[in-house]
Amino acid sequence: MPDVVSEPSTAGVSIKTASEFWRANKPLCRGILYWQLNDCWPVSSWSSIEYTGRWKQLHYHAKRFFAPQLAVFVDDGETLKLNVINDEHRQVNAKGQVTWYDWQGEVIDTWPVEAMLEEDGNHVLWQCDRNVIVERQHEGFFHVDMECDGQTLTNTWFDDVYKRLPLPKATVNALVEDTDGTITVTLSTDKPAFFVHAEFADEGRFNDSSFTLMPCRPVTLTYTGSATADEIRSQLSIYHLAQSYTPTH
């Protein structure tokens, strides 16, 4: 496994950051478009779908930041807030927690959050004095995990730019299985891993990617495409913020 630092998708992180900030400014901002959707030939670009139809990291993020409900951290310089947006014209119940983790995945602090989200609303469900975070800068990261109308809302916030963070060198393992024609890839990690991205060298895609993966909380992805489980095992690569490699299956 090569010991290299892997950057998350520039387009993915940039457009995710902007789109979430604008949605958190609702009702001042009530719509978002991004450039661009896809490519018609092999090229390096800001598209979210490759010319083959394979999803880049940006498209997985778009699936989340364009969802009817969104949980996003907003830092105004004095306070770190959690905004939960509901774009549907009906009330929706949201319940979960905000957790401050250290780089080994141990809990520094945790706060339960629960609310009935008003229709077409924007709610601040949690906040923390920025001075409290500054006193323990670089000690960890904030993560929200909520259940909302049968969907899981997650997001992660860091207190500095990635290159100055003591990111853990996590080892991510992948288990590829074929159960009655449904191919799944279960990812697990020994330490927190960020922007975890499963990439199959051929055509097809997974139902999710480019997310935060925590120890003792494996995530199972479902593959859509014509490949076999053996083909995926031999051509699967896993990327995350602190390291990229082809996993041992």
C-alpha atoms as a PDB file:
ATOM      1  CA  MET A   1       0.000   0.000   0.000  1.00  0.00           C
ATOM      2  CA  PRO A   2       1.737   3.213  -1.108  1.00  0.00           C
ATOM      3  CA  ASP A   3       2.144   5.811   1.637  1.00  0.00           C
ATOM      4  CA  VAL A   4       0.804   8.842  -0.205  1.00  0.00           C
ATOM      5  CA  VAL A   5      -1.586  11.648   0.622  1.00  0.00           C
ATOM      6  CA  SER A   6      -4.721  11.653  -1.477  1.00  0.00           C
ATOM      7  CA  GLU A   7      -6.753  14.807  -2.030  1.00  0.00           C
ATOM      8  CA  PRO A   8     -10.530  14.558  -2.237  1.00  0.00           C
ATOM      9  CA  SER A   9     -12.103  15.723  -5.466  1.00  0.00           C
ATOM     10  CA  THR A  10     -11.422  19.465  -5.824  1.00  0.00           C
ATOM     11  CA  ALA A  11     -14.710  20.023  -7.638  1.00  0.00           C
ATOM     12  CA  GLY A  12     -16.560  17.839  -5.155  1.00  0.00           C
ATOM     13  CA  VAL A  13     -15.331  19.659  -2.055  1.00  0.00           C
ATOM     14  CA  SER A  14     -15.591  23.141  -3.596  1.00  0.00           C
ATOM     15  CA  ILE A  15     -19.139  22.745  -4.891  1.00  0.00           C
ATOM     16  CA  LYS A  16     -20.258  20.859  -1.764  1.00  0.00           C
ATOM     17  CA  THR A  17     -18.940  23.657   0.465  1.00  0.00           C
ATOM     18  CA  ALA A  18     -20.572  26.421  -1.588  1.00  0.00           C
ATOM     19  CA  SER A  19     -23.897  24.643  -2.072  1.00  0.00           C
ATOM     20  CA  GLU A  20     -24.255  23.777   1.610  1.00  0.00           C
ATOM     21  CA  PHE A  21     -23.417  27.348   2.657  1.00  0.00           C
ATOM     22  CA  TRP A  22     -25.999  28.794   0.291  1.00  0.00           C
ATOM     23  CA  ARG A  23     -28.694  26.343   1.356  1.00  0.00           C
ATOM     24  CA  ALA A  24     -27.947  27.229   4.995  1.00  0.00           C
ATOM     25  CA  ASN A  25     -28.737  30.853   4.054  1.00  0.00           C
ATOM     26  CA  LYS A  26     -32.320  29.950   3.223  1.00  0.00           C
ATOM     27  CA  PRO A  27     -34.594  31.882   2.603  1.00  0.00           C
ATOM     28  CA  LEU A  28     -32.079  34.370   1.144  1.00  0.00           C
ATOM     29  CA  CYS A  29     -30.952  31.636  -1.245  1.00  0.00           C
ATOM     30  CA  ARG A  30     -33.595  29.279  -2.568  1.00  0.00           C
ATOM     31  CA  GLY A  31     -31.913  27.528  -5.486  1.00  0.00           C
ATOM     32  CA  ILE A  32     -28.550  26.201  -6.659  1.00  0.00           C
ATOM     33  CA  LEU A  33     -27.100  25.130  -9.992  1.00  0.00           C
ATOM     34  CA  TYR A  34     -23.602  23.793 -10.544  1.00  0.00           C
ATOM     35  CA  TRP A  35     -21.385  23.451 -13.582  1.00  0.00           C
ATOM     36  CA  GLN A  36     -21.116  20.855 -15.048  1.00  0.00           C
ATOM     37  CA  LEU A  37     -23.042  17.572 -15.165  1.00  0.00           C
ATOM     38  CA  ASN A  38     -21.127  15.327 -17.563  1.00  0.00           C
ATOM     39  CA  ASP A  39     -18.446  14.945 -20.243  1.00  0.00           C
ATOM     40  CA  CYS A  40     -18.862  13.597 -23.768  1.00  0.00           C
ATOM     41  CA  TRP A  41     -15.220  12.437 -24.100  1.00  0.00           C
ATOM     42  CA  PRO A  42     -12.263  11.536 -21.823  1.00  0.00           C
ATOM     43  CA  VAL A  43     -11.029  14.755 -20.202  1.00  0.00           C
ATOM     44  CA  SER A  44     -10.115  16.270 -16.825  1.00  0.00           C
ATOM     45  CA  SER A  45     -12.920  18.659 -15.941  1.00  0.00           C
ATOM     46  CA  TRP A  46     -15.329  19.858 -13.268  1.00  0.00           C
ATOM     47  CA  SER A  47     -18.059  17.482 -14.454  1.00  0.00           C
ATOM     48  CA  SER A  48     -19.696  15.217 -11.877  1.00  0.00           C
ATOM     49  CA  ILE A  49     -20.172  12.274 -14.285  1.00  0.00           C
ATOM     50  CA  GLU A  50     -17.423  10.829 -16.478  1.00  0.00           C
ATOM     51  CA  TYR A  51     -17.968  10.213 -20.194  1.00  0.00           C
ATOM     52  CA  THR A  52     -18.465   6.500 -19.411  1.00  0.00           C
ATOM     53  CA  GLY A  53     -21.351   7.324 -17.077  1.00  0.00           C
ATOM     54  CA  ARG A  54     -19.362   6.577 -13.923  1.00  0.00           C
ATOM     55  CA  TRP A  55     -20.067   8.915 -11.013  1.00  0.00           C
ATOM     56  CA  LYS A  56     -17.253  11.106  -9.718  1.00  0.00           C
ATOM     57  CA  GLN A  57     -17.109  12.133  -6.055  1.00  0.00           C
ATOM     58  CA  LEU A  58     -18.981  15.372  -6.821  1.00  0.00           C
ATOM     59  CA  HIS A  59     -22.063  13.495  -8.021  1.00  0.00           C
ATOM     60  CA  TYR A  60     -22.260  11.509  -4.788  1.00  0.00           C
ATOM     61  CA  HIS A  61     -22.015  14.769  -2.839  1.00  0.00           C
ATOM     62  CA  ALA A  62     -24.692  16.350  -5.050  1.00  0.00           C
ATOM     63  CA  LYS A  63     -27.038  13.488  -4.188  1.00  0.00           C
ATOM     64  CA  ARG A  64     -26.706  14.586  -0.555  1.00  0.00           C
ATOM     65  CA  PHE A  65     -26.474  18.382  -0.792  1.00  0.00           C
ATOM     66  CA  PHE A  66     -29.495  18.477  -3.138  1.00  0.00           C
ATOM     67  CA  ALA A  67     -31.596  16.188  -0.912  1.00  0.00           C
ATOM     68  CA  PRO A  68     -34.856  17.653   0.504  1.00  0.00           C
ATOM     69  CA  GLN A  69     -33.316  17.582   3.994  1.00  0.00           C
ATOM     70  CA  LEU A  70     -29.727  18.639   4.695  1.00  0.00           C
ATOM     71  CA  ALA A  71     -27.645  18.951   7.876  1.00  0.00           C
ATOM     72  CA  VAL A  72     -24.708  21.347   7.554  1.00  0.00           C
ATOM     73  CA  PHE A  73     -22.213  22.971   9.918  1.00  0.00           C
ATOM     74  CA  VAL A  74     -21.896  26.754   9.581  1.00  0.00           C
ATOM     75  CA  ASP A  75     -18.969  28.657  11.112  1.00  0.00           C
ATOM     76  CA  ASP A  76     -19.603  32.405  11.466  1.00  0.00           C
ATOM     77  CA  GLY A  77     -16.312  33.071  13.254  1.00  0.00           C
ATOM     78  CA  GLU A  78     -17.903  33.297  16.701  1.00  0.00           C
ATOM     79  CA  THR A  79     -20.145  30.236  16.775  1.00  0.00           C
ATOM     80  CA  LEU A  80     -20.206  26.853  15.081  1.00  0.00           C
ATOM     81  CA  LYS A  81     -23.833  26.028  14.278  1.00  0.00           C
ATOM     82  CA  LEU A  82     -25.697  23.071  12.882  1.00  0.00           C
ATOM     83  CA  ASN A  83     -28.359  24.104  10.382  1.00  0.00           C
ATOM     84  CA  VAL A  84     -30.904  21.504   9.294  1.00  0.00           C
ATOM     85  CA  ILE A  85     -32.847  22.464   6.185  1.00  0.00           C
ATOM     86  CA  ASN A  86     -36.202  21.027   5.129  1.00  0.00           C
ATOM     87  CA  ASP A  87     -37.313  21.921   1.593  1.00  0.00           C
ATOM     88  CA  GLU A  88     -40.476  19.826   1.652  1.00  0.00           C
ATOM     89  CA  HIS A  89     -43.918  21.332   2.148  1.00  0.00           C
ATOM     90  CA  ARG A  90     -44.620  19.193   5.199  1.00  0.00           C
ATOM     91  CA  GLN A  91     -43.219  18.763   8.674  1.00  0.00           C
ATOM     92  CA  VAL A  92     -40.474  16.184   9.114  1.00  0.00           C
ATOM     93  CA  ASN A  93     -39.056  14.729  12.336  1.00  0.00           C
ATOM     94  CA  ALA A  94     -35.270  14.733  12.727  1.00  0.00           C
ATOM     95  CA  LYS A  95     -33.336  13.015  15.515  1.00  0.00           C
ATOM     96  CA  GLY A  96     -29.646  12.270  16.043  1.00  0.00           C
ATOM     97  CA  GLN A  97     -26.511  13.644  17.593  1.00  0.00           C
ATOM     98  CA  VAL A  98     -23.521  15.895  17.071  1.00  0.00           C
ATOM     99  CA  THR A  99     -20.245  14.301  18.201  1.00  0.00           C
ATOM    100  CA  TRP A 100     -16.810  15.794  18.705  1.00  0.00           C
ATOM    101  CA  TYR A 101     -14.325  12.991  17.958  1.00  0.00           C
ATOM    102  CA  ASP A 102     -10.572  12.813  18.356  1.00  0.00           C
ATOM    103  CA  TRP A 103      -8.440  11.447  15.509  1.00  0.00           C
ATOM    104  CA  GLN A 104      -8.628   7.891  16.868  1.00  0.00           C
ATOM    105  CA  GLY A 105     -12.429   7.935  16.825  1.00  0.00           C
ATOM    106  CA  GLU A 106     -12.838   8.405  20.588  1.00  0.00           C
ATOM    107  CA  VAL A 107     -15.591  10.767  21.783  1.00  0.00           C
ATOM    108  CA  ILE A 108     -14.518  14.138  23.170  1.00  0.00           C
ATOM    109  CA  ASP A 109     -18.105  15.308  23.656  1.00  0.00           C
ATOM    110  CA  THR A 110     -21.543  14.577  22.265  1.00  0.00           C
ATOM    111  CA  TRP A 111     -24.889  16.404  22.085  1.00  0.00           C
ATOM    112  CA  PRO A 112     -28.305  14.899  21.206  1.00  0.00           C
ATOM    113  CA  VAL A 113     -30.371  16.886  18.689  1.00  0.00           C
ATOM    114  CA  GLU A 114     -34.039  16.437  17.903  1.00  0.00           C
ATOM    115  CA  ALA A 115     -36.695  18.627  16.300  1.00  0.00           C
ATOM    116  CA  MET A 116     -39.819  18.652  14.216  1.00  0.00           C
ATOM    117  CA  LEU A 117     -38.631  20.469  11.104  1.00  0.00           C
ATOM    118  CA  GLU A 118     -41.183  22.962   9.897  1.00  0.00           C
ATOM    119  CA  GLU A 119     -42.162  22.851   6.251  1.00  0.00           C
ATOM    120  CA  ASP A 120     -39.878  24.840   3.970  1.00  0.00           C
ATOM    121  CA  GLY A 121     -37.760  25.676   7.015  1.00  0.00           C
ATOM    122  CA  ASN A 122     -34.193  26.278   8.125  1.00  0.00           C
ATOM    123  CA  HIS A 123     -33.462  25.373  11.742  1.00  0.00           C
ATOM    124  CA  VAL A 124     -30.411  25.855  14.004  1.00  0.00           C
ATOM    125  CA  LEU A 125     -30.496  22.723  16.160  1.00  0.00           C
ATOM    126  CA  TRP A 126     -27.108  23.031  17.883  1.00  0.00           C
ATOM    127  CA  GLN A 127     -24.326  25.534  18.413  1.00  0.00           C
ATOM    128  CA  CYS A 128     -20.937  25.752  20.118  1.00  0.00           C
ATOM    129  CA  ASP A 129     -18.848  28.760  21.121  1.00  0.00           C
ATOM    130  CA  ARG A 130     -15.928  28.978  18.701  1.00  0.00           C
ATOM    131  CA  ASN A 131     -13.550  29.826  21.583  1.00  0.00           C
ATOM    132  CA  VAL A 132     -14.162  26.383  23.058  1.00  0.00           C
ATOM    133  CA  ILE A 133     -13.023  24.839  19.788  1.00  0.00           C
ATOM    134  CA  VAL A 134     -10.001  27.161  19.441  1.00  0.00           C
ATOM    135  CA  GLU A 135      -8.754  26.060  22.869  1.00  0.00           C
ATOM    136  CA  ARG A 136      -8.571  22.479  21.563  1.00  0.00           C
ATOM    137  CA  GLN A 137      -7.700  23.208  17.940  1.00  0.00           C
ATOM    138  CA  HIS A 138      -6.538  20.237  15.857  1.00  0.00           C
ATOM    139  CA  GLU A 139      -7.605  17.749  18.544  1.00  0.00           C
ATOM    140  CA  GLY A 140     -10.402  16.320  16.424  1.00  0.00           C
ATOM    141  CA  PHE A 141     -13.434  16.931  14.216  1.00  0.00           C
ATOM    142  CA  PHE A 142     -17.205  17.366  14.488  1.00  0.00           C
ATOM    143  CA  HIS A 143     -19.633  14.901  12.951  1.00  0.00           C
ATOM    144  CA  VAL A 144     -23.427  14.899  12.767  1.00  0.00           C
ATOM    145  CA  ASP A 145     -25.479  11.756  12.261  1.00  0.00           C
ATOM    146  CA  MET A 146     -29.275  12.101  12.066  1.00  0.00           C
ATOM    147  CA  GLU A 147     -32.315  10.108  11.016  1.00  0.00           C
ATOM    148  CA  CYS A 148     -34.819  12.181   9.102  1.00  0.00           C
ATOM    149  CA  ASP A 149     -37.929  10.732   7.480  1.00  0.00           C
ATOM    150  CA  GLY A 150     -36.231   7.366   6.982  1.00  0.00           C
ATOM    151  CA  GLN A 151     -33.084   8.927   5.530  1.00  0.00           C
ATOM    152  CA  THR A 152     -29.687   9.297   7.196  1.00  0.00           C
ATOM    153  CA  LEU A 153     -28.167  12.772   7.248  1.00  0.00           C
ATOM    154  CA  THR A 154     -24.450  13.047   7.976  1.00  0.00           C
ATOM    155  CA  ASN A 155     -21.790  15.718   7.676  1.00  0.00           C
ATOM    156  CA  THR A 156     -18.314  16.447   9.002  1.00  0.00           C
ATOM    157  CA  TRP A 157     -16.595  19.698  10.005  1.00  0.00           C
ATOM    158  CA  PHE A 158     -12.869  20.383  10.515  1.00  0.00           C
ATOM    159  CA  ASP A 159     -11.405  23.322  12.427  1.00  0.00           C
ATOM    160  CA  ASP A 160      -8.614  24.022   9.917  1.00  0.00           C
ATOM    161  CA  VAL A 161      -7.492  23.334   6.364  1.00  0.00           C
ATOM    162  CA  TYR A 162      -6.707  19.693   5.655  1.00  0.00           C
ATOM    163  CA  LYS A 163      -2.936  20.105   5.234  1.00  0.00           C
ATOM    164  CA  ARG A 164      -2.565  21.383   8.816  1.00  0.00           C
ATOM    165  CA  LEU A 165      -4.614  18.619  10.418  1.00  0.00           C
ATOM    166  CA  PRO A 166      -2.983  15.570  12.082  1.00  0.00           C
ATOM    167  CA  LEU A 167      -5.033  13.191   9.951  1.00  0.00           C
ATOM    168  CA  PRO A 168      -4.780   9.534  11.000  1.00  0.00           C
ATOM    169  CA  LYS A 169      -3.344   7.013   8.546  1.00  0.00           C
ATOM    170  CA  ALA A 170      -6.431   4.857   8.500  1.00  0.00           C
ATOM    171  CA  THR A 171      -6.480   1.394   6.961  1.00  0.00           C
ATOM    172  CA  VAL A 172      -9.726   0.735   5.092  1.00  0.00           C
ATOM    173  CA  ASN A 173     -10.679  -2.863   4.305  1.00  0.00           C
ATOM    174  CA  ALA A 174     -13.165  -3.926   1.628  1.00  0.00           C
ATOM    175  CA  LEU A 175     -15.270  -7.091   1.582  1.00  0.00           C
ATOM    176  CA  VAL A 176     -16.894  -7.809  -1.805  1.00  0.00           C
ATOM    177  CA  GLU A 177     -19.845 -10.217  -1.781  1.00  0.00           C
ATOM    178  CA  ASP A 178     -22.412 -11.472  -4.279  1.00  0.00           C
ATOM    179  CA  THR A 179     -25.736 -12.438  -2.688  1.00  0.00           C
ATOM    180  CA  ASP A 180     -28.345 -13.696  -5.152  1.00  0.00           C
ATOM    181  CA  GLY A 181     -27.007 -11.433  -7.880  1.00  0.00           C
ATOM    182  CA  THR A 182     -26.669  -8.323  -5.696  1.00  0.00           C
ATOM    183  CA  ILE A 183     -23.044  -7.239  -5.345  1.00  0.00           C
ATOM    184  CA  THR A 184     -22.096  -5.353  -2.199  1.00  0.00           C
ATOM    185  CA  VAL A 185     -18.858  -3.853  -0.923  1.00  0.00           C
ATOM    186  CA  THR A 186     -18.571  -3.509   2.861  1.00  0.00           C
ATOM    187  CA  LEU A 187     -15.975  -0.968   3.998  1.00  0.00           C
ATOM    188  CA  SER A 188     -14.469  -0.913   7.495  1.00  0.00           C
ATOM    189  CA  THR A 189     -11.640   1.094   9.043  1.00  0.00           C
ATOM    190  CA  ASP A 190      -9.374   1.073  12.092  1.00  0.00           C
ATOM    191  CA  LYS A 191      -9.367   4.895  12.411  1.00  0.00           C
ATOM    192  CA  PRO A 192     -11.569   7.706  11.121  1.00  0.00           C
ATOM    193  CA  ALA A 193     -11.232   8.071   7.349  1.00  0.00           C
ATOM    194  CA  PHE A 194     -12.583  11.022   5.352  1.00  0.00           C
ATOM    195  CA  PHE A 195     -13.949  11.328   1.811  1.00  0.00           C
ATOM    196  CA  VAL A 196     -13.756   7.543   1.497  1.00  0.00           C
ATOM    197  CA  HIS A 197     -14.269   6.810  -2.185  1.00  0.00           C
ATOM    198  CA  ALA A 198     -14.711   3.338  -3.708  1.00  0.00           C
ATOM    199  CA  GLU A 199     -13.764   3.267  -7.378  1.00  0.00           C
ATOM    200  CA  PHE A 200     -14.168   0.363  -9.802  1.00  0.00           C
ATOM    201  CA  ALA A 201     -11.927   0.629 -12.863  1.00  0.00           C
ATOM    202  CA  ASP A 202     -14.677  -0.462 -15.279  1.00  0.00           C
ATOM    203  CA  GLU A 203     -18.225   0.842 -15.812  1.00  0.00           C
ATOM    204  CA  GLY A 204     -20.859   0.957 -13.112  1.00  0.00           C
ATOM    205  CA  ARG A 205     -21.287   2.810  -9.836  1.00  0.00           C
ATOM    206  CA  PHE A 206     -22.051   2.404  -6.150  1.00  0.00           C
ATOM    207  CA  ASN A 207     -25.081   3.750  -4.291  1.00  0.00           C
ATOM    208  CA  ASP A 208     -22.868   5.993  -2.125  1.00  0.00           C
ATOM    209  CA  SER A 209     -19.282   7.202  -1.868  1.00  0.00           C
ATOM    210  CA  SER A 210     -17.002  10.027  -0.639  1.00  0.00           C
ATOM    211  CA  PHE A 211     -18.148   9.919   3.007  1.00  0.00           C
ATOM    212  CA  THR A 212     -16.711   9.802   6.527  1.00  0.00           C
ATOM    213  CA  LEU A 213     -16.066   6.226   7.689  1.00  0.00           C
ATOM    214  CA  MET A 214     -15.760   5.552  11.418  1.00  0.00           C
ATOM    215  CA  PRO A 215     -14.207   2.614  13.324  1.00  0.00           C
ATOM    216  CA  CYS A 216     -16.695  -0.080  14.405  1.00  0.00           C
ATOM    217  CA  ARG A 217     -19.281   1.381  11.983  1.00  0.00           C
ATOM    218  CA  PRO A 218     -18.847  -0.434   8.650  1.00  0.00           C
ATOM    219  CA  VAL A 219     -20.695   0.876   5.599  1.00  0.00           C
ATOM    220  CA  THR A 220     -22.111  -1.453   2.929  1.00  0.00           C
ATOM    221  CA  LEU A 221     -22.324  -0.150  -0.641  1.00  0.00           C
ATOM    222  CA  THR A 222     -24.420  -1.678  -3.427  1.00  0.00           C
ATOM    223  CA  TYR A 223     -22.968  -1.919  -6.922  1.00  0.00           C
ATOM    224  CA  THR A 224     -25.012  -1.177 -10.052  1.00  0.00           C
ATOM    225  CA  GLY A 225     -23.520  -2.414 -13.308  1.00  0.00           C
ATOM    226  CA  SER A 226     -22.627  -5.491 -15.342  1.00  0.00           C
ATOM    227  CA  ALA A 227     -19.395  -6.523 -13.592  1.00  0.00           C
ATOM    228  CA  THR A 228     -19.009  -9.681 -11.537  1.00  0.00           C
ATOM    229  CA  ALA A 229     -17.867  -9.799  -7.925  1.00  0.00           C
ATOM    230  CA  ASP A 230     -14.497 -11.240  -9.002  1.00  0.00           C
ATOM    231  CA  GLU A 231     -13.979  -8.385 -11.479  1.00  0.00           C
ATOM    232  CA  ILE A 232     -14.719  -5.828  -8.779  1.00  0.00           C
ATOM    233  CA  ARG A 233     -12.361  -7.526  -6.325  1.00  0.00           C
ATOM    234  CA  SER A 234      -9.521  -7.376  -8.839  1.00  0.00           C
ATOM    235  CA  GLN A 235     -10.097  -3.770  -9.938  1.00  0.00           C
ATOM    236  CA  LEU A 236     -11.417  -2.005  -6.831  1.00  0.00           C
ATOM    237  CA  SER A 237      -9.495   0.943  -5.392  1.00  0.00           C
ATOM    238  CA  ILE A 238     -10.275   2.795  -2.192  1.00  0.00           C
ATOM    239  CA  TYR A 239      -9.273   6.428  -1.694  1.00  0.00           C
ATOM    240  CA  HIS A 240      -9.492   8.661   1.346  1.00  0.00           C
ATOM    241  CA  LEU A 241      -8.038  11.944   2.518  1.00  0.00           C
ATOM    242  CA  ALA A 242      -4.902  10.640   4.202  1.00  0.00           C
ATOM    243  CA  GLN A 243      -4.050   7.692   1.960  1.00  0.00           C
ATOM    244  CA  SER A 244      -4.977   5.918  -1.265  1.00  0.00           C
ATOM    245  CA  TYR A 245      -4.418   2.276  -2.112  1.00  0.00           C
ATOM    246  CA  THR A 246      -5.812  -0.887  -3.599  1.00  0.00           C
ATOM    247  CA  PRO A 247      -7.184  -2.880  -0.631  1.00  0.00           C
ATOM    248  CA  THR A 248      -6.372  -6.482   0.181  1.00  0.00           C
ATOM    249  CA  HIS A 249      -9.586  -8.507  -0.070  1.00  0.00           C
END
